[in-house]
Amino acid sequence: MVANWRQAGSKTAIGFILVAILCYGCAGGQVESGGQPLQAVVIDEYMLTKAGFTPYKPNMETPKTQALLDALPSGQVTAFTGDGKVYHAYPDKGANILYVGDQDAYDKYVSMAQGKRVCQRVEAPDSSGFWGCFQELQQQRTR
């Protein structure tokens, strides 16, 4: 009889743990990164990368990139225009990565979404900071 109680207690404990894991998994979208649900951030980054956006990880040699990443709004793609070119930047502040893509990459990102949530696109009021950052990234890449 005691063995049955122990076995029942073990099954109850295991059941409780499984329910807790399931509930945590369902609430997983509530964990936020930069004001955005973590699941949405991961999906956005995956689609941006597949669409052709390049991830850049700022470091001590790229202070302009770090400043731009810090200044951009979370969960949004910011468009920068200059000299007839358009580039788009998406910051992942939690992982400290800046995703940069051209107009073709952005168009591919939007077409890949097909009914899924797409990051809001905003136009940068001043693109000069981006172009300084982009030149810094290009120099860093050639080293």
N, C-alpha and C. Protein backbone atom coordinates (compact mmCIF):
# COMPACT_ATOMS: atom_id res chain seq x y z
N MET A 1 0.82 -1.19 0.00
CA MET A 1 0.00 0.00 0.00
C MET A 1 0.87 1.26 0.00
N VAL A 2 1.97 1.24 0.81
CA VAL A 2 2.87 2.38 0.86
C VAL A 2 3.54 2.57 -0.49
N ALA A 3 3.89 1.48 -1.14
CA ALA A 3 4.53 1.57 -2.46
C ALA A 3 3.58 2.22 -3.47
N ASN A 4 2.29 1.91 -3.38
CA ASN A 4 1.31 2.52 -4.28
C ASN A 4 1.23 4.03 -4.05
N TRP A 5 1.29 4.47 -2.78
CA TRP A 5 1.24 5.90 -2.47
C TRP A 5 2.49 6.61 -3.03
N ARG A 6 3.64 5.98 -2.88
CA ARG A 6 4.88 6.56 -3.41
C ARG A 6 4.81 6.67 -4.93
N GLN A 7 4.33 5.60 -5.55
CA GLN A 7 4.22 5.59 -7.01
C GLN A 7 3.22 6.66 -7.47
N ALA A 8 2.10 6.76 -6.77
CA ALA A 8 1.10 7.77 -7.11
C ALA A 8 1.67 9.17 -6.90
N GLY A 9 2.43 9.36 -5.81
CA GLY A 9 3.05 10.66 -5.54
C GLY A 9 4.07 11.03 -6.61
N SER A 10 4.83 10.06 -7.06
CA SER A 10 5.82 10.29 -8.11
C SER A 10 5.14 10.67 -9.42
N LYS A 11 4.06 9.96 -9.75
CA LYS A 11 3.32 10.28 -10.98
C LYS A 11 2.70 11.66 -10.90
N THR A 12 2.20 12.02 -9.72
CA THR A 12 1.61 13.35 -9.54
C THR A 12 2.67 14.42 -9.70
N ALA A 13 3.85 14.20 -9.11
CA ALA A 13 4.95 15.16 -9.21
C ALA A 13 5.39 15.32 -10.66
N ILE A 14 5.53 14.20 -11.36
CA ILE A 14 5.94 14.25 -12.77
C ILE A 14 4.87 14.96 -13.60
N GLY A 15 3.62 14.67 -13.33
CA GLY A 15 2.52 15.34 -14.03
C GLY A 15 2.54 16.83 -13.78
N PHE A 16 2.79 17.22 -12.54
CA PHE A 16 2.84 18.65 -12.19
C PHE A 16 3.97 19.33 -12.94
N ILE A 17 5.12 18.67 -13.00
CA ILE A 17 6.28 19.24 -13.71
C ILE A 17 5.96 19.39 -15.20
N LEU A 18 5.34 18.39 -15.80
CA LEU A 18 4.99 18.47 -17.22
C LEU A 18 3.99 19.58 -17.49
N VAL A 19 3.02 19.74 -16.61
CA VAL A 19 2.04 20.83 -16.77
C VAL A 19 2.74 22.18 -16.64
N ALA A 20 3.66 22.29 -15.69
CA ALA A 20 4.39 23.55 -15.51
C ALA A 20 5.22 23.88 -16.75
N ILE A 21 5.88 22.87 -17.32
CA ILE A 21 6.66 23.08 -18.53
C ILE A 21 5.76 23.50 -19.68
N LEU A 22 4.62 22.83 -19.82
CA LEU A 22 3.68 23.16 -20.88
C LEU A 22 3.17 24.58 -20.73
N CYS A 23 2.81 24.97 -19.51
CA CYS A 23 2.31 26.33 -19.27
C CYS A 23 3.40 27.35 -19.56
N TYR A 24 4.63 27.05 -19.14
CA TYR A 24 5.73 27.97 -19.40
C TYR A 24 5.96 28.10 -20.91
N GLY A 25 5.87 26.99 -21.61
CA GLY A 25 6.05 27.01 -23.06
C GLY A 25 4.98 27.84 -23.75
N CYS A 26 3.75 27.74 -23.29
CA CYS A 26 2.66 28.53 -23.88
C CYS A 26 2.83 30.00 -23.56
N ALA A 27 3.41 30.30 -22.42
CA ALA A 27 3.61 31.69 -22.02
C ALA A 27 4.94 32.20 -22.52
N GLY A 28 5.66 31.37 -23.28
CA GLY A 28 6.99 31.74 -23.73
C GLY A 28 7.03 33.03 -24.52
N GLY A 29 5.97 33.37 -25.20
CA GLY A 29 5.92 34.61 -25.95
C GLY A 29 5.92 35.83 -25.06
N GLN A 30 5.73 35.63 -23.76
CA GLN A 30 5.70 36.76 -22.86
C GLN A 30 7.09 37.20 -22.43
N VAL A 31 8.10 36.36 -22.62
CA VAL A 31 9.47 36.74 -22.31
C VAL A 31 9.88 37.73 -23.38
N GLU A 32 10.34 38.90 -22.98
CA GLU A 32 10.58 39.93 -23.97
C GLU A 32 12.04 40.23 -24.17
N SER A 33 12.36 40.66 -25.38
CA SER A 33 13.70 41.11 -25.74
C SER A 33 13.54 42.44 -26.45
N GLY A 34 13.95 43.50 -25.80
CA GLY A 34 13.83 44.82 -26.41
C GLY A 34 12.39 45.24 -26.60
N GLY A 35 11.48 44.83 -25.72
CA GLY A 35 10.09 45.24 -25.81
C GLY A 35 9.26 44.40 -26.76
N GLN A 36 9.82 43.32 -27.27
CA GLN A 36 9.14 42.48 -28.24
C GLN A 36 9.17 41.03 -27.74
N PRO A 37 8.09 40.26 -27.92
CA PRO A 37 8.12 38.86 -27.49
C PRO A 37 9.30 38.12 -28.13
N LEU A 38 9.98 37.31 -27.34
CA LEU A 38 11.18 36.61 -27.78
C LEU A 38 10.92 35.75 -29.02
N GLN A 39 9.80 35.07 -29.07
CA GLN A 39 9.49 34.22 -30.22
C GLN A 39 9.43 35.06 -31.50
N ALA A 40 8.82 36.25 -31.41
CA ALA A 40 8.72 37.12 -32.58
C ALA A 40 10.10 37.59 -33.02
N VAL A 41 10.99 37.88 -32.06
CA VAL A 41 12.34 38.32 -32.39
C VAL A 41 13.08 37.22 -33.14
N VAL A 42 13.00 36.00 -32.66
CA VAL A 42 13.68 34.88 -33.30
C VAL A 42 13.15 34.67 -34.72
N ILE A 43 11.85 34.72 -34.91
CA ILE A 43 11.25 34.55 -36.24
C ILE A 43 11.70 35.68 -37.16
N ASP A 44 11.68 36.92 -36.67
CA ASP A 44 12.11 38.05 -37.48
C ASP A 44 13.56 37.88 -37.93
N GLU A 45 14.43 37.53 -37.00
CA GLU A 45 15.85 37.40 -37.32
C GLU A 45 16.09 36.27 -38.31
N TYR A 46 15.39 35.17 -38.15
CA TYR A 46 15.51 34.05 -39.09
C TYR A 46 15.11 34.49 -40.50
N MET A 47 13.96 35.15 -40.60
CA MET A 47 13.48 35.58 -41.92
C MET A 47 14.39 36.65 -42.52
N LEU A 48 14.88 37.57 -41.69
CA LEU A 48 15.78 38.61 -42.20
C LEU A 48 17.06 37.97 -42.76
N THR A 49 17.62 37.02 -42.04
CA THR A 49 18.84 36.36 -42.49
C THR A 49 18.59 35.58 -43.78
N LYS A 50 17.49 34.83 -43.84
CA LYS A 50 17.16 34.06 -45.04
C LYS A 50 16.89 34.98 -46.23
N ALA A 51 16.40 36.19 -45.96
CA ALA A 51 16.10 37.13 -47.04
C ALA A 51 17.34 37.82 -47.58
N GLY A 52 18.47 37.71 -46.86
CA GLY A 52 19.69 38.31 -47.36
C GLY A 52 20.25 39.43 -46.50
N PHE A 53 19.66 39.68 -45.34
CA PHE A 53 20.21 40.66 -44.42
C PHE A 53 21.50 40.09 -43.83
N THR A 54 22.49 40.94 -43.65
CA THR A 54 23.77 40.51 -43.08
C THR A 54 23.81 40.91 -41.60
N PRO A 55 24.12 39.96 -40.73
CA PRO A 55 24.24 40.30 -39.30
C PRO A 55 25.64 40.85 -39.00
N TYR A 56 25.68 41.95 -38.27
CA TYR A 56 26.94 42.55 -37.84
C TYR A 56 26.94 42.63 -36.32
N LYS A 57 28.01 42.19 -35.72
CA LYS A 57 28.15 42.24 -34.27
C LYS A 57 29.12 43.37 -33.95
N PRO A 58 28.62 44.47 -33.41
CA PRO A 58 29.51 45.59 -33.06
C PRO A 58 30.58 45.15 -32.05
N ASN A 59 31.75 45.79 -32.17
CA ASN A 59 32.82 45.53 -31.22
C ASN A 59 33.58 46.83 -30.98
N MET A 60 34.70 46.74 -30.34
CA MET A 60 35.47 47.95 -30.00
C MET A 60 35.96 48.69 -31.25
N GLU A 61 36.08 47.99 -32.37
CA GLU A 61 36.55 48.62 -33.60
C GLU A 61 35.41 49.21 -34.43
N THR A 62 34.17 49.01 -33.99
CA THR A 62 33.02 49.53 -34.74
C THR A 62 32.09 50.32 -33.81
N PRO A 63 32.58 51.42 -33.24
CA PRO A 63 31.75 52.19 -32.30
C PRO A 63 30.53 52.85 -32.96
N LYS A 64 30.64 53.21 -34.24
CA LYS A 64 29.49 53.81 -34.92
C LYS A 64 28.37 52.79 -35.07
N THR A 65 28.74 51.54 -35.33
CA THR A 65 27.75 50.48 -35.46
C THR A 65 27.03 50.27 -34.13
N GLN A 66 27.77 50.27 -33.03
CA GLN A 66 27.16 50.11 -31.71
C GLN A 66 26.23 51.28 -31.41
N ALA A 67 26.64 52.49 -31.75
CA ALA A 67 25.80 53.66 -31.52
C ALA A 67 24.51 53.59 -32.33
N LEU A 68 24.62 53.14 -33.58
CA LEU A 68 23.43 53.02 -34.43
C LEU A 68 22.50 51.94 -33.88
N LEU A 69 23.06 50.79 -33.50
CA LEU A 69 22.25 49.71 -32.95
C LEU A 69 21.50 50.19 -31.70
N ASP A 70 22.18 50.94 -30.84
CA ASP A 70 21.54 51.46 -29.63
C ASP A 70 20.44 52.48 -29.93
N ALA A 71 20.62 53.24 -31.00
CA ALA A 71 19.68 54.31 -31.31
C ALA A 71 18.42 53.84 -32.06
N LEU A 72 18.51 52.72 -32.77
CA LEU A 72 17.37 52.27 -33.57
C LEU A 72 16.25 51.71 -32.70
N PRO A 73 15.01 51.89 -33.13
CA PRO A 73 13.87 51.35 -32.36
C PRO A 73 13.80 49.83 -32.47
N SER A 74 13.58 49.17 -31.34
CA SER A 74 13.47 47.71 -31.30
C SER A 74 12.25 47.24 -32.06
N GLY A 75 12.39 46.09 -32.73
CA GLY A 75 11.26 45.47 -33.40
C GLY A 75 10.82 46.16 -34.67
N GLN A 76 11.68 47.06 -35.19
CA GLN A 76 11.34 47.77 -36.41
C GLN A 76 12.51 47.73 -37.38
N VAL A 77 12.17 47.78 -38.66
CA VAL A 77 13.18 47.89 -39.70
C VAL A 77 13.23 49.36 -40.08
N THR A 78 14.41 49.95 -40.00
CA THR A 78 14.56 51.37 -40.32
C THR A 78 15.22 51.48 -41.69
N ALA A 79 14.59 52.27 -42.58
CA ALA A 79 15.11 52.47 -43.94
C ALA A 79 15.97 53.72 -43.97
N PHE A 80 17.14 53.59 -44.60
CA PHE A 80 18.07 54.70 -44.76
C PHE A 80 18.29 54.90 -46.25
N THR A 81 18.15 56.16 -46.70
CA THR A 81 18.28 56.48 -48.12
C THR A 81 19.39 57.48 -48.33
N GLY A 82 20.16 57.25 -49.37
CA GLY A 82 21.23 58.19 -49.72
C GLY A 82 21.85 57.82 -51.04
N ASP A 83 22.17 58.82 -51.85
CA ASP A 83 22.80 58.60 -53.15
C ASP A 83 22.04 57.58 -54.00
N GLY A 84 20.73 57.59 -53.92
CA GLY A 84 19.91 56.70 -54.72
C GLY A 84 19.87 55.26 -54.22
N LYS A 85 20.47 54.99 -53.07
CA LYS A 85 20.47 53.64 -52.51
C LYS A 85 19.63 53.61 -51.24
N VAL A 86 18.99 52.47 -51.04
CA VAL A 86 18.19 52.28 -49.83
C VAL A 86 18.71 51.05 -49.11
N TYR A 87 18.99 51.21 -47.83
CA TYR A 87 19.38 50.09 -46.98
C TYR A 87 18.44 50.06 -45.79
N HIS A 88 18.29 48.87 -45.27
CA HIS A 88 17.40 48.66 -44.13
C HIS A 88 18.20 48.06 -42.98
N ALA A 89 17.91 48.51 -41.77
CA ALA A 89 18.63 48.02 -40.59
C ALA A 89 17.63 47.58 -39.53
N TYR A 90 17.93 46.45 -38.90
CA TYR A 90 17.10 45.90 -37.83
C TYR A 90 18.01 45.59 -36.64
N PRO A 91 17.72 46.17 -35.47
CA PRO A 91 18.57 45.90 -34.31
C PRO A 91 18.05 44.76 -33.45
N ASP A 92 18.93 43.86 -33.08
CA ASP A 92 18.63 42.88 -32.03
C ASP A 92 19.47 43.30 -30.84
N LYS A 93 18.85 44.10 -29.99
CA LYS A 93 19.58 44.67 -28.86
C LYS A 93 19.93 43.62 -27.82
N GLY A 94 19.12 42.58 -27.69
CA GLY A 94 19.39 41.53 -26.73
C GLY A 94 20.65 40.75 -27.07
N ALA A 95 20.85 40.47 -28.37
CA ALA A 95 22.04 39.73 -28.82
C ALA A 95 23.15 40.65 -29.30
N ASN A 96 22.88 41.96 -29.32
CA ASN A 96 23.84 42.97 -29.76
C ASN A 96 24.28 42.70 -31.21
N ILE A 97 23.28 42.54 -32.08
CA ILE A 97 23.55 42.31 -33.51
C ILE A 97 22.71 43.29 -34.33
N LEU A 98 23.34 43.86 -35.36
CA LEU A 98 22.64 44.75 -36.29
C LEU A 98 22.53 44.02 -37.62
N TYR A 99 21.30 43.84 -38.10
CA TYR A 99 21.05 43.21 -39.40
C TYR A 99 20.89 44.31 -40.43
N VAL A 100 21.64 44.23 -41.53
CA VAL A 100 21.59 45.24 -42.58
C VAL A 100 21.32 44.56 -43.91
N GLY A 101 20.37 45.11 -44.66
CA GLY A 101 20.05 44.56 -45.97
C GLY A 101 19.70 45.66 -46.96
N ASP A 102 19.86 45.37 -48.23
CA ASP A 102 19.50 46.34 -49.27
C ASP A 102 18.00 46.21 -49.58
N GLN A 103 17.55 46.95 -50.58
CA GLN A 103 16.12 46.95 -50.91
C GLN A 103 15.66 45.57 -51.37
N ASP A 104 16.50 44.86 -52.13
CA ASP A 104 16.14 43.51 -52.58
C ASP A 104 15.94 42.57 -51.39
N ALA A 105 16.82 42.66 -50.40
CA ALA A 105 16.70 41.81 -49.21
C ALA A 105 15.42 42.14 -48.45
N TYR A 106 15.10 43.42 -48.36
CA TYR A 106 13.87 43.81 -47.65
C TYR A 106 12.64 43.31 -48.40
N ASP A 107 12.64 43.46 -49.73
CA ASP A 107 11.51 42.97 -50.52
C ASP A 107 11.33 41.46 -50.36
N LYS A 108 12.44 40.73 -50.35
CA LYS A 108 12.38 39.29 -50.16
C LYS A 108 11.84 38.95 -48.77
N TYR A 109 12.26 39.70 -47.76
CA TYR A 109 11.77 39.52 -46.39
C TYR A 109 10.25 39.68 -46.34
N VAL A 110 9.75 40.73 -46.97
CA VAL A 110 8.30 40.98 -46.98
C VAL A 110 7.57 39.86 -47.73
N SER A 111 8.12 39.40 -48.85
CA SER A 111 7.44 38.32 -49.59
C SER A 111 7.49 37.00 -48.83
N MET A 112 8.55 36.76 -48.06
CA MET A 112 8.64 35.53 -47.27
C MET A 112 7.59 35.51 -46.17
N ALA A 113 7.21 36.66 -45.68
CA ALA A 113 6.27 36.74 -44.56
C ALA A 113 4.90 36.18 -44.95
N GLN A 114 4.41 36.49 -46.12
CA GLN A 114 3.13 35.99 -46.63
C GLN A 114 2.08 35.80 -45.54
N GLY A 115 1.60 36.89 -45.01
CA GLY A 115 0.53 36.82 -44.02
C GLY A 115 1.02 36.77 -42.59
N LYS A 116 2.31 36.49 -42.39
CA LYS A 116 2.85 36.52 -41.03
C LYS A 116 3.13 37.96 -40.65
N ARG A 117 3.37 38.16 -39.41
CA ARG A 117 3.68 39.51 -38.93
C ARG A 117 5.01 39.97 -39.52
N VAL A 118 5.05 41.16 -40.06
CA VAL A 118 6.27 41.75 -40.60
C VAL A 118 6.63 42.92 -39.70
N CYS A 119 7.93 43.07 -39.46
CA CYS A 119 8.37 44.21 -38.65
C CYS A 119 7.92 45.51 -39.30
N GLN A 120 7.50 46.43 -38.49
CA GLN A 120 7.11 47.74 -39.01
C GLN A 120 8.33 48.40 -39.62
N ARG A 121 8.15 49.02 -40.77
CA ARG A 121 9.24 49.74 -41.43
C ARG A 121 9.06 51.22 -41.19
N VAL A 122 10.13 51.86 -40.76
CA VAL A 122 10.11 53.31 -40.54
C VAL A 122 11.24 53.95 -41.34
N GLU A 123 11.01 55.16 -41.79
CA GLU A 123 12.03 55.92 -42.52
C GLU A 123 12.86 56.70 -41.51
N ALA A 124 14.16 56.65 -41.66
CA ALA A 124 15.04 57.40 -40.78
C ALA A 124 14.96 58.88 -41.14
N PRO A 125 14.78 59.75 -40.15
CA PRO A 125 14.73 61.18 -40.46
C PRO A 125 16.08 61.72 -40.94
N ASP A 126 17.17 61.11 -40.47
CA ASP A 126 18.52 61.52 -40.86
C ASP A 126 19.34 60.27 -41.14
N SER A 127 19.77 60.11 -42.37
CA SER A 127 20.48 58.89 -42.76
C SER A 127 21.99 59.00 -42.62
N SER A 128 22.50 60.17 -42.24
CA SER A 128 23.96 60.36 -42.21
C SER A 128 24.65 59.41 -41.22
N GLY A 129 24.04 59.14 -40.08
CA GLY A 129 24.64 58.23 -39.11
C GLY A 129 24.76 56.82 -39.65
N PHE A 130 23.77 56.40 -40.42
CA PHE A 130 23.82 55.05 -41.00
C PHE A 130 24.96 54.92 -41.99
N TRP A 131 25.14 55.92 -42.86
CA TRP A 131 26.16 55.80 -43.90
C TRP A 131 27.55 55.78 -43.28
N GLY A 132 27.77 56.51 -42.21
CA GLY A 132 29.05 56.44 -41.49
C GLY A 132 29.25 55.06 -40.91
N CYS A 133 28.20 54.50 -40.36
CA CYS A 133 28.22 53.16 -39.80
C CYS A 133 28.47 52.14 -40.90
N PHE A 134 27.79 52.29 -42.02
CA PHE A 134 27.91 51.33 -43.11
C PHE A 134 29.33 51.33 -43.68
N GLN A 135 29.93 52.51 -43.80
CA GLN A 135 31.32 52.58 -44.25
C GLN A 135 32.24 51.87 -43.26
N GLU A 136 31.97 52.06 -41.98
CA GLU A 136 32.75 51.39 -40.94
C GLU A 136 32.63 49.87 -41.06
N LEU A 137 31.41 49.38 -41.32
CA LEU A 137 31.19 47.95 -41.47
C LEU A 137 31.92 47.39 -42.70
N GLN A 138 31.88 48.14 -43.79
CA GLN A 138 32.56 47.70 -45.01
C GLN A 138 34.07 47.64 -44.81
N GLN A 139 34.62 48.61 -44.10
CA GLN A 139 36.05 48.61 -43.81
C GLN A 139 36.42 47.43 -42.92
N GLN A 140 35.58 47.15 -41.94
CA GLN A 140 35.81 46.05 -41.02
C GLN A 140 35.79 44.71 -41.77
N ARG A 141 34.91 44.60 -42.74
CA ARG A 141 34.76 43.35 -43.50
C ARG A 141 35.98 43.08 -44.39
N THR A 142 36.62 44.13 -44.91
CA THR A 142 37.75 43.94 -45.82
C THR A 142 39.04 43.63 -45.08
N ARG A 143 39.08 43.82 -43.78
CA ARG A 143 40.32 43.54 -43.01
C ARG A 143 40.53 42.08 -42.84
